[in-house]
Amino acid sequence: MIALGGVIGAGLFVGSGAGIAAAGPSIVIAYAASGLLVMLVMRMLGEMSAANPASGSFSVHAERALGPWAGFTAGWSFWVLLSVAVGLEGIGAAKIVSGWLPGTPEWAWVALFMLVFCGTNLAAVRNFGEFEFWFAALKVGAITLFLILGGLAILGVLPGTEAPGTANLTGGGGFLPHGAEGLVIGLLASVFAYGGLETVTIAAAESEHPVQGVARAVRTAMWRIALFYIGSMAVIVTLVPWDDPDVANPDKGPYVTALNHLGIPGAGPVMQIVVLVALLSAMNANIYGASRMAYSLVARGQGPQAIGRVSGGVPRIAVLVSSVFGFLCVLLSYWRPDDVFPWLLKMIGAVILVVWLFIAVSQLVLRRRTERDAPEKLAVRMWLFPVLTWVAIAGMLAIFILMLRQPGTRDQLMATGLMTLVLAASGAVMQRRRRAGRENGATGGPGGAGTAERDTVPAAEAAEY
């Protein structure tokens, strides 16, 4: 449920409208292609996480495979992504509630949401799981009901509706109304809509049976999410003309538009509640994921030691720091809406692709190592290794090239690339200093034993909770 809830958010309920407006009915192909890539990435991540469950997930795997610089880069870039996303989701949720209660300040709602979910994450991890379970259940239930109603309407058996046939799929410019260029824009939008699924391997490391938890979550979540995403897009573009202005309207979105098209009363307010829950759920999950990633990095000597303090089984300082950073992003949206805040958004624009690339390269290295040293740990195996791993890497590189070609995504890629290079350089300097410290320690100099100990990646950090 955490896997499903973490990835099903406002990006699907509202943001997918921009992809439909750009790609038309071919958005189904875009979501299918990006969904296939996500399945490969999650299979690779599941293989590594089942073999070595860790709260740092792919950051730990990158460090094992490529060195501390890689774990540092992947981990802190993902922390920035999640922390900024917390602020963005808070802003979105506040806009909805202030729309219901005119005159109430948005910043006050953001502060309230931050306090609630910061408090939830400061308590026992079971509280986070309980909140996220019910949030996810509502979202999954809403999409399931939508797919059932949409399927009945497409078949023409829903009272008061007629089967649309293929009129909306082939009319209004055809299946590819904007050609290959529109399909590319839709593909890029769909890729980023899948971001967030990685959090399940972080949460599974704290479960009672982490190996089985990772394996089960990865195996079941992938096809369910693909069904929800691809199935939703197919229903929407079959029922509603892709160029309906309400589809890309952020105040309505494709789901509300489709339900209104079916004449279902109260669809708008109900879906708005679902979107609000999706935003709050994402806030909850991202505070959790950011705090665990920060804790893992500090436990490996890659951040301020104060952040790594654990109390009651929870890294509470890491929770506070992640929440404060998210709230700072909200303040920047008010203080510097024209320069600093847009720069932050661009900086995190392609982080998820950078993380996926680290996952793929790490799996190439660690699979061979695990087969040689501990083959019994391969509870989950990547399909057709190494062929499909290389196919996934080629797909990611192709998306990077497509982003360079699109004016709307080129700046995002450049800003993310700059942040990644800065982090990689910082990680390399840190790694070099550690190596020098160990060499000094071996000859009786300062900084030896403690530095060497921190350089060792824990086999299962979950045990430290």
Protein backbone atom coordinates (compact mmCIF):
# COMPACT_ATOMS: atom_id res chain seq x y z
CA MET A 1 0.00 0.00 0.00
CA ILE A 2 2.89 2.38 0.68
CA ALA A 3 4.27 1.63 -2.79
CA LEU A 4 0.92 2.35 -4.41
CA GLY A 5 0.18 5.39 -2.28
CA GLY A 6 3.63 6.91 -2.70
CA VAL A 7 3.44 7.08 -6.47
CA ILE A 8 -0.28 7.82 -6.97
CA GLY A 9 -0.47 11.54 -6.36
CA ALA A 10 -1.59 14.83 -7.80
CA GLY A 11 0.82 14.25 -10.70
CA LEU A 12 -1.55 11.55 -11.92
CA PHE A 13 -4.88 13.08 -10.92
CA VAL A 14 -4.15 16.58 -12.28
CA GLY A 15 -0.71 16.78 -13.89
CA SER A 16 -1.44 14.07 -16.44
CA GLY A 17 -3.74 16.54 -18.19
CA ALA A 18 -0.77 18.43 -19.64
CA GLY A 19 0.57 15.18 -21.08
CA ILE A 20 -2.80 14.39 -22.67
CA ALA A 21 -3.00 17.88 -24.16
CA ALA A 22 0.44 17.42 -25.73
CA ALA A 23 0.27 13.80 -26.90
CA GLY A 24 -3.46 13.30 -27.45
CA PRO A 25 -4.64 9.66 -27.38
CA SER A 26 -1.02 8.51 -27.84
CA ILE A 27 -0.49 9.34 -24.15
CA VAL A 28 -1.40 5.68 -23.59
CA ILE A 29 1.75 4.67 -25.48
CA ALA A 30 3.80 7.23 -23.54
CA TYR A 31 2.64 5.86 -20.18
CA ALA A 32 3.13 2.28 -21.35
CA ALA A 33 6.72 2.98 -22.47
CA SER A 34 7.69 4.85 -19.31
CA GLY A 35 5.85 2.26 -17.21
CA LEU A 36 7.98 -0.48 -18.76
CA LEU A 37 11.13 1.47 -17.86
CA VAL A 38 9.88 1.92 -14.28
CA MET A 39 9.20 -1.81 -14.02
CA LEU A 40 12.79 -2.57 -15.02
CA VAL A 41 14.19 0.00 -12.57
CA MET A 42 12.08 -1.32 -9.70
CA ARG A 43 13.04 -4.91 -10.49
CA MET A 44 16.71 -3.93 -10.29
CA LEU A 45 16.16 -2.00 -7.07
CA GLY A 46 14.13 -4.86 -5.63
CA GLU A 47 16.92 -7.31 -6.37
CA MET A 48 19.50 -5.22 -4.52
CA SER A 49 17.19 -4.26 -1.65
CA ALA A 50 16.06 -7.84 -1.02
CA ALA A 51 19.71 -8.95 -0.95
CA ASN A 52 20.74 -6.10 1.39
CA PRO A 53 17.79 -4.25 3.02
CA ALA A 54 18.87 -0.75 4.06
CA SER A 55 17.06 2.45 4.97
CA GLY A 56 19.34 4.23 2.50
CA SER A 57 18.11 2.00 -0.34
CA PHE A 58 19.74 2.92 -3.65
CA SER A 59 22.22 5.27 -1.95
CA VAL A 60 23.65 2.32 0.00
CA HIS A 61 23.68 0.16 -3.13
CA ALA A 62 25.47 2.89 -5.11
CA GLU A 63 28.09 3.17 -2.37
CA ARG A 64 28.62 -0.59 -2.33
CA ALA A 65 28.95 -0.71 -6.10
CA LEU A 66 30.75 2.50 -7.06
CA GLY A 67 32.17 4.03 -3.89
CA PRO A 68 31.18 6.61 -1.25
CA TRP A 69 31.01 9.44 -3.79
CA ALA A 70 28.15 7.68 -5.60
CA GLY A 71 26.18 7.01 -2.42
CA PHE A 72 26.71 10.62 -1.36
CA THR A 73 25.53 11.99 -4.72
CA ALA A 74 22.48 9.74 -5.11
CA GLY A 75 21.43 10.10 -1.48
CA TRP A 76 21.66 13.87 -1.01
CA SER A 77 20.17 14.66 -4.43
CA PHE A 78 17.18 12.45 -3.56
CA TRP A 79 16.92 14.12 -0.13
CA VAL A 80 16.74 17.55 -1.80
CA LEU A 81 14.10 16.24 -4.22
CA LEU A 82 11.89 14.85 -1.44
CA SER A 83 12.29 17.88 0.83
CA VAL A 84 11.39 20.36 -1.93
CA ALA A 85 8.48 18.12 -2.93
CA VAL A 86 7.16 18.30 0.66
CA GLY A 87 6.91 22.07 0.29
CA LEU A 88 5.29 21.87 -3.15
CA GLU A 89 2.68 19.39 -1.93
CA GLY A 90 1.98 21.59 1.09
CA ILE A 91 1.38 24.57 -1.22
CA GLY A 92 -0.95 22.53 -3.43
CA ALA A 93 -2.95 21.21 -0.47
CA ALA A 94 -3.21 24.70 1.05
CA LYS A 95 -4.60 26.11 -2.20
CA ILE A 96 -7.39 23.52 -2.17
CA VAL A 97 -8.36 24.14 1.45
CA SER A 98 -8.15 27.94 1.18
CA GLY A 99 -10.43 27.65 -1.86
CA TRP A 100 -12.98 25.92 0.34
CA LEU A 101 -12.48 28.48 3.12
CA PRO A 102 -11.90 31.85 1.39
CA GLY A 103 -9.96 34.40 3.39
CA THR A 104 -7.81 31.90 5.25
CA PRO A 105 -4.06 32.34 4.55
CA GLU A 106 -2.38 29.56 2.58
CA TRP A 107 0.80 29.71 4.65
CA ALA A 108 -1.19 28.88 7.80
CA TRP A 109 -2.58 25.72 6.21
CA VAL A 110 0.90 24.72 5.05
CA ALA A 111 2.20 25.23 8.59
CA LEU A 112 -0.64 23.11 9.98
CA PHE A 113 0.01 20.28 7.53
CA MET A 114 3.73 20.42 8.29
CA LEU A 115 3.10 20.20 12.02
CA VAL A 116 0.72 17.25 11.63
CA PHE A 117 2.98 15.14 9.44
CA CYS A 118 6.17 16.15 11.16
CA GLY A 119 4.51 15.00 14.39
CA THR A 120 3.38 11.76 12.75
CA ASN A 121 6.90 11.01 11.59
CA LEU A 122 8.44 11.97 14.95
CA ALA A 123 6.35 9.28 16.63
CA ALA A 124 6.83 5.55 16.11
CA VAL A 125 7.24 4.39 12.52
CA ARG A 126 4.01 2.40 12.94
CA ASN A 127 2.11 5.73 12.95
CA PHE A 128 3.57 6.63 9.57
CA GLY A 129 2.56 3.24 8.19
CA GLU A 130 -0.98 3.55 9.56
CA PHE A 131 -1.51 7.04 8.08
CA GLU A 132 -0.06 6.01 4.73
CA PHE A 133 -2.12 2.82 4.57
CA TRP A 134 -5.42 4.67 4.84
CA PHE A 135 -4.32 7.47 2.52
CA ALA A 136 -3.28 4.90 -0.07
CA ALA A 137 -6.48 2.91 0.41
CA LEU A 138 -8.60 5.97 -0.43
CA LYS A 139 -6.56 6.78 -3.55
CA VAL A 140 -6.52 3.19 -4.77
CA GLY A 141 -10.25 2.90 -4.11
CA ALA A 142 -10.94 6.11 -6.07
CA ILE A 143 -8.94 4.96 -9.11
CA THR A 144 -10.48 1.48 -9.00
CA LEU A 145 -13.98 2.96 -8.96
CA PHE A 146 -13.01 5.30 -11.78
CA LEU A 147 -11.74 2.39 -13.91
CA ILE A 148 -14.92 0.39 -13.26
CA LEU A 149 -17.26 3.29 -14.15
CA GLY A 150 -15.14 4.21 -17.17
CA GLY A 151 -15.04 0.62 -18.39
CA LEU A 152 -18.82 0.31 -18.09
CA ALA A 153 -19.28 3.59 -19.98
CA ILE A 154 -16.93 2.47 -22.77
CA LEU A 155 -18.93 -0.75 -23.13
CA GLY A 156 -22.14 1.28 -23.19
CA VAL A 157 -23.71 -0.48 -20.20
CA LEU A 158 -23.53 2.42 -17.75
CA PRO A 159 -27.04 3.95 -17.42
CA GLY A 160 -27.41 7.23 -19.27
CA THR A 161 -24.31 6.77 -21.46
CA GLU A 162 -23.58 5.54 -24.98
CA ALA A 163 -20.50 3.62 -26.03
CA PRO A 164 -18.06 6.18 -27.55
CA GLY A 165 -16.35 3.63 -29.77
CA THR A 166 -13.11 4.93 -31.29
CA ALA A 167 -14.39 8.43 -32.10
CA ASN A 168 -12.21 10.19 -29.53
CA LEU A 169 -9.17 8.02 -30.34
CA THR A 170 -9.14 8.74 -34.05
CA GLY A 171 -10.94 12.10 -34.31
CA GLY A 172 -9.62 15.59 -33.62
CA GLY A 173 -6.32 15.11 -35.41
CA GLY A 174 -6.02 11.35 -35.00
CA PHE A 175 -4.14 9.17 -32.54
CA LEU A 176 -1.00 11.34 -32.87
CA PRO A 177 -2.45 14.86 -33.27
CA HIS A 178 0.88 16.60 -32.65
CA GLY A 179 3.06 13.96 -34.23
CA ALA A 180 6.18 12.50 -32.68
CA GLU A 181 6.97 15.80 -30.95
CA GLY A 182 3.76 15.64 -28.92
CA LEU A 183 4.42 12.00 -28.04
CA VAL A 184 7.88 12.96 -26.73
CA ILE A 185 6.40 15.68 -24.48
CA GLY A 186 3.84 13.19 -23.19
CA LEU A 187 6.59 10.63 -22.57
CA LEU A 188 8.61 13.09 -20.49
CA ALA A 189 5.53 14.03 -18.46
CA SER A 190 4.73 10.37 -17.81
CA VAL A 191 8.28 9.54 -16.67
CA PHE A 192 8.18 12.08 -13.86
CA ALA A 193 4.66 11.04 -12.87
CA TYR A 194 6.05 7.63 -11.85
CA GLY A 195 8.59 9.13 -9.43
CA GLY A 196 8.16 8.17 -5.77
CA LEU A 197 7.93 4.41 -6.10
CA GLU A 198 11.49 4.09 -4.76
CA THR A 199 10.27 4.96 -1.24
CA VAL A 200 8.84 1.46 -0.83
CA THR A 201 12.32 -0.06 -0.51
CA ILE A 202 13.18 2.48 2.18
CA ALA A 203 10.02 1.62 4.15
CA ALA A 204 10.47 -2.13 3.65
CA ALA A 205 13.87 -1.98 5.40
CA GLU A 206 12.01 -1.07 8.62
CA SER A 207 9.38 -3.78 8.28
CA GLU A 208 9.32 -6.88 10.46
CA HIS A 209 10.54 -9.08 7.60
CA PRO A 210 12.47 -6.73 5.27
CA VAL A 211 13.60 -9.28 2.68
CA GLN A 212 10.13 -10.73 2.19
CA GLY A 213 8.60 -7.24 2.37
CA VAL A 214 10.78 -5.88 -0.42
CA ALA A 215 10.22 -8.91 -2.62
CA ARG A 216 6.44 -8.86 -2.18
CA ALA A 217 6.10 -5.09 -2.64
CA VAL A 218 8.21 -4.98 -5.80
CA ARG A 219 6.52 -7.97 -7.38
CA THR A 220 2.97 -6.75 -6.83
CA ALA A 221 3.25 -2.96 -6.94
CA MET A 222 4.79 -2.75 -10.42
CA TRP A 223 1.96 -4.29 -12.41
CA ARG A 224 -0.73 -2.70 -10.25
CA ILE A 225 0.68 0.78 -10.78
CA ALA A 226 1.06 0.13 -14.50
CA LEU A 227 -2.58 -0.97 -14.59
CA PHE A 228 -3.76 2.13 -12.74
CA TYR A 229 -1.71 4.57 -14.81
CA ILE A 230 -2.08 3.06 -18.28
CA GLY A 231 -5.66 1.96 -17.65
CA SER A 232 -6.65 5.44 -16.45
CA MET A 233 -5.15 7.12 -19.48
CA ALA A 234 -6.90 4.67 -21.83
CA VAL A 235 -10.27 5.30 -20.16
CA ILE A 236 -9.88 9.09 -20.22
CA VAL A 237 -8.85 9.48 -23.88
CA THR A 238 -11.57 7.02 -24.95
CA LEU A 239 -14.34 8.85 -23.09
CA VAL A 240 -13.30 12.49 -23.52
CA PRO A 241 -11.90 14.40 -26.53
CA TRP A 242 -8.20 14.94 -25.81
CA ASP A 243 -8.47 18.63 -26.74
CA ASP A 244 -11.23 19.36 -24.20
CA PRO A 245 -9.89 22.49 -22.40
CA ASP A 246 -10.93 21.12 -19.00
CA VAL A 247 -8.52 18.16 -19.36
CA ALA A 248 -5.45 20.38 -19.00
CA ASN A 249 -7.12 22.77 -16.56
CA PRO A 250 -5.36 22.30 -13.19
CA ASP A 251 -8.55 23.30 -11.35
CA LYS A 252 -10.35 20.30 -12.87
CA GLY A 253 -8.00 17.82 -14.51
CA PRO A 254 -8.69 14.75 -16.67
CA TYR A 255 -10.38 12.61 -14.00
CA VAL A 256 -12.94 15.23 -12.99
CA THR A 257 -13.55 16.04 -16.67
CA ALA A 258 -14.18 12.38 -17.50
CA LEU A 259 -16.59 11.95 -14.58
CA ASN A 260 -18.41 15.17 -15.47
CA HIS A 261 -18.67 13.88 -19.04
CA LEU A 262 -20.45 10.82 -17.68
CA GLY A 263 -22.90 13.10 -15.84
CA ILE A 264 -22.02 11.76 -12.41
CA PRO A 265 -23.21 14.34 -9.84
CA GLY A 266 -20.73 15.61 -7.27
CA ALA A 267 -17.76 14.24 -9.17
CA GLY A 268 -15.80 17.49 -8.98
CA PRO A 269 -15.89 17.98 -5.20
CA VAL A 270 -15.23 14.28 -4.56
CA MET A 271 -12.17 14.21 -6.82
CA GLN A 272 -10.92 17.42 -5.24
CA ILE A 273 -11.00 15.64 -1.88
CA VAL A 274 -9.09 12.73 -3.43
CA VAL A 275 -6.47 15.13 -4.80
CA LEU A 276 -6.13 16.74 -1.37
CA VAL A 277 -5.61 13.32 0.20
CA ALA A 278 -3.06 12.50 -2.51
CA LEU A 279 -1.08 15.65 -1.67
CA LEU A 280 -1.20 15.02 2.08
CA SER A 281 -0.20 11.40 1.55
CA ALA A 282 2.77 12.49 -0.56
CA MET A 283 3.81 14.97 2.15
CA ASN A 284 3.71 12.21 4.74
CA ALA A 285 5.67 9.75 2.58
CA ASN A 286 8.27 12.29 1.48
CA ILE A 287 9.05 13.48 5.02
CA TYR A 288 9.52 9.84 5.94
CA GLY A 289 11.70 9.04 2.92
CA ALA A 290 13.82 12.19 3.28
CA SER A 291 14.47 11.59 6.99
CA ARG A 292 15.51 7.96 6.45
CA MET A 293 17.78 8.88 3.57
CA ALA A 294 19.44 11.60 5.68
CA TYR A 295 19.84 9.17 8.59
CA SER A 296 21.43 6.55 6.34
CA LEU A 297 23.88 9.05 4.87
CA VAL A 298 24.93 10.28 8.31
CA ALA A 299 25.30 6.70 9.58
CA ARG A 300 27.83 6.20 6.79
CA GLY A 301 29.75 9.36 7.69
CA GLN A 302 28.34 11.43 4.82
CA GLY A 303 26.61 14.20 6.75
CA PRO A 304 26.45 16.08 10.08
CA GLN A 305 26.47 13.53 12.89
CA ALA A 306 23.77 15.41 14.86
CA ILE A 307 21.20 14.50 12.19
CA GLY A 308 21.80 10.81 12.77
CA ARG A 309 20.59 10.64 16.38
CA VAL A 310 17.91 7.98 16.89
CA SER A 311 15.32 8.23 19.67
CA GLY A 312 12.53 5.74 20.18
CA GLY A 313 13.48 3.97 16.97
CA VAL A 314 13.06 7.17 14.91
CA PRO A 315 15.75 9.56 13.54
CA ARG A 316 13.91 12.56 14.93
CA ILE A 317 16.51 15.23 14.12
CA ALA A 318 16.49 14.06 10.50
CA VAL A 319 12.68 14.31 10.47
CA LEU A 320 12.84 17.88 11.82
CA VAL A 321 15.57 18.98 9.39
CA SER A 322 13.70 17.52 6.39
CA SER A 323 10.45 19.21 7.48
CA VAL A 324 12.15 22.57 8.10
CA PHE A 325 13.80 22.46 4.68
CA GLY A 326 10.40 21.74 3.10
CA PHE A 327 8.81 24.67 4.94
CA LEU A 328 11.71 26.90 3.88
CA CYS A 329 10.86 26.06 0.27
CA VAL A 330 7.30 27.23 0.96
CA LEU A 331 8.59 30.54 2.33
CA LEU A 332 10.81 30.95 -0.73
CA SER A 333 7.72 30.58 -2.93
CA TYR A 334 6.38 33.72 -1.22
CA TRP A 335 9.63 35.65 -0.74
CA ARG A 336 11.37 34.90 -4.05
CA PRO A 337 8.73 33.64 -6.51
CA ASP A 338 10.57 34.98 -9.55
CA ASP A 339 14.11 33.65 -9.08
CA VAL A 340 15.09 31.38 -6.17
CA PHE A 341 11.93 29.25 -6.08
CA PRO A 342 11.81 28.53 -9.85
CA TRP A 343 15.53 27.69 -9.69
CA LEU A 344 14.80 25.13 -6.95
CA LEU A 345 12.09 23.56 -9.10
CA LYS A 346 14.42 23.30 -12.09
CA MET A 347 17.18 21.84 -9.93
CA ILE A 348 15.03 18.85 -8.93
CA GLY A 349 13.46 18.44 -12.38
CA ALA A 350 15.51 15.43 -13.54
CA VAL A 351 16.77 14.07 -10.21
CA ILE A 352 14.60 10.97 -10.51
CA LEU A 353 16.35 10.03 -13.76
CA VAL A 354 19.76 10.49 -12.12
CA VAL A 355 18.65 8.18 -9.30
CA TRP A 356 17.40 5.58 -11.78
CA LEU A 357 20.74 5.67 -13.60
CA PHE A 358 22.61 5.06 -10.32
CA ILE A 359 20.26 2.13 -9.62
CA ALA A 360 20.92 0.51 -13.00
CA VAL A 361 24.70 0.90 -12.93
CA SER A 362 24.83 -0.32 -9.31
CA GLN A 363 22.81 -3.41 -10.17
CA LEU A 364 25.20 -4.26 -13.02
CA VAL A 365 28.08 -4.31 -10.53
CA LEU A 366 26.35 -5.84 -7.49
CA ARG A 367 24.60 -8.67 -9.33
CA ARG A 368 27.94 -10.19 -10.37
CA ARG A 369 29.35 -9.68 -6.89
CA THR A 370 26.34 -11.26 -5.18
CA GLU A 371 26.31 -14.24 -7.55
CA ARG A 372 29.95 -14.85 -6.67
CA ASP A 373 29.86 -14.24 -2.90
CA ALA A 374 26.30 -14.94 -1.67
CA PRO A 375 23.95 -16.26 -4.39
CA GLU A 376 21.42 -17.32 -1.74
CA LYS A 377 20.62 -13.60 -1.17
CA LEU A 378 19.09 -13.22 -4.64
CA ALA A 379 15.48 -13.56 -3.50
CA VAL A 380 14.47 -11.25 -6.38
CA ARG A 381 16.29 -11.50 -9.72
CA MET A 382 16.40 -9.02 -12.57
CA TRP A 383 14.84 -10.46 -15.72
CA LEU A 384 17.21 -11.47 -18.56
CA PHE A 385 20.26 -10.02 -16.80
CA PRO A 386 22.27 -8.17 -18.09
CA VAL A 387 20.36 -7.55 -21.34
CA LEU A 388 17.37 -5.75 -19.81
CA THR A 389 19.61 -3.75 -17.47
CA TRP A 390 21.44 -2.37 -20.50
CA VAL A 391 18.09 -1.76 -22.24
CA ALA A 392 16.97 0.31 -19.22
CA ILE A 393 20.21 2.33 -19.23
CA ALA A 394 19.78 3.00 -22.96
CA GLY A 395 16.21 4.13 -22.30
CA MET A 396 17.34 6.59 -19.62
CA LEU A 397 20.06 8.02 -21.86
CA ALA A 398 17.48 8.42 -24.63
CA ILE A 399 15.22 10.38 -22.24
CA PHE A 400 18.16 12.64 -21.31
CA ILE A 401 18.67 13.36 -25.02
CA LEU A 402 14.97 14.07 -25.49
CA MET A 403 15.06 16.49 -22.56
CA LEU A 404 17.96 18.34 -24.15
CA ARG A 405 15.93 18.76 -27.33
CA GLN A 406 12.86 20.20 -25.57
CA PRO A 407 13.08 23.88 -24.52
CA GLY A 408 10.75 23.25 -21.57
CA THR A 409 12.93 20.51 -20.08
CA ARG A 410 16.41 21.60 -21.20
CA ASP A 411 16.79 24.05 -18.31
CA GLN A 412 15.66 21.40 -15.83
CA LEU A 413 18.24 18.96 -17.11
CA MET A 414 21.03 21.54 -16.98
CA ALA A 415 20.14 22.63 -13.42
CA THR A 416 19.89 19.03 -12.21
CA GLY A 417 23.17 18.23 -13.95
CA LEU A 418 24.88 21.13 -12.19
CA MET A 419 23.61 20.00 -8.77
CA THR A 420 24.69 16.41 -9.50
CA LEU A 421 28.19 17.51 -10.51
CA VAL A 422 28.58 19.62 -7.36
CA LEU A 423 27.48 16.71 -5.17
CA ALA A 424 29.69 14.24 -7.03
CA ALA A 425 32.71 16.52 -6.65
CA SER A 426 31.98 16.97 -2.94
CA GLY A 427 31.61 13.22 -2.54
CA ALA A 428 34.88 12.58 -4.35
CA VAL A 429 36.73 15.04 -2.08
CA MET A 430 35.22 13.37 0.98
CA GLN A 431 36.20 9.92 -0.32
CA ARG A 432 39.78 11.06 -0.97
CA ARG A 433 40.08 12.53 2.53
CA ARG A 434 38.82 9.31 4.07
CA ARG A 435 41.33 7.26 2.13
CA ALA A 436 44.11 9.56 3.27
CA GLY A 437 42.86 9.28 6.87
CA ARG A 438 42.93 5.50 6.72
CA GLU A 439 46.44 5.50 5.31
CA ASN A 440 47.56 7.82 8.12
CA GLY A 441 45.88 5.57 10.65
CA ALA A 442 47.65 2.52 9.28
CA THR A 443 50.99 4.22 9.94
CA GLY A 444 50.01 5.46 13.40
CA GLY A 445 48.75 8.89 12.24
CA PRO A 446 45.50 10.55 13.27
CA GLY A 447 42.04 9.79 11.93
CA GLY A 448 42.55 6.10 11.30
CA ALA A 449 40.24 3.69 13.04
CA GLY A 450 37.14 5.84 13.35
CA THR A 451 37.23 6.97 9.71
CA ALA A 452 37.74 3.46 8.43
CA GLU A 453 34.84 2.22 10.51
CA ARG A 454 32.49 4.86 9.13
CA ASP A 455 33.58 3.99 5.59
CA THR A 456 32.09 0.52 5.96
CA VAL A 457 28.51 0.32 4.68
CA PRO A 458 26.25 -1.56 7.16
CA ALA A 459 24.84 -4.81 5.80
CA ALA A 460 21.36 -4.06 7.12
CA GLU A 461 20.89 -0.62 8.62
CA ALA A 462 17.36 -1.51 9.68
CA ALA A 463 18.85 -3.41 12.61
CA GLU A 464 20.17 -0.11 13.99
CA TYR A 465 16.59 1.04 14.65
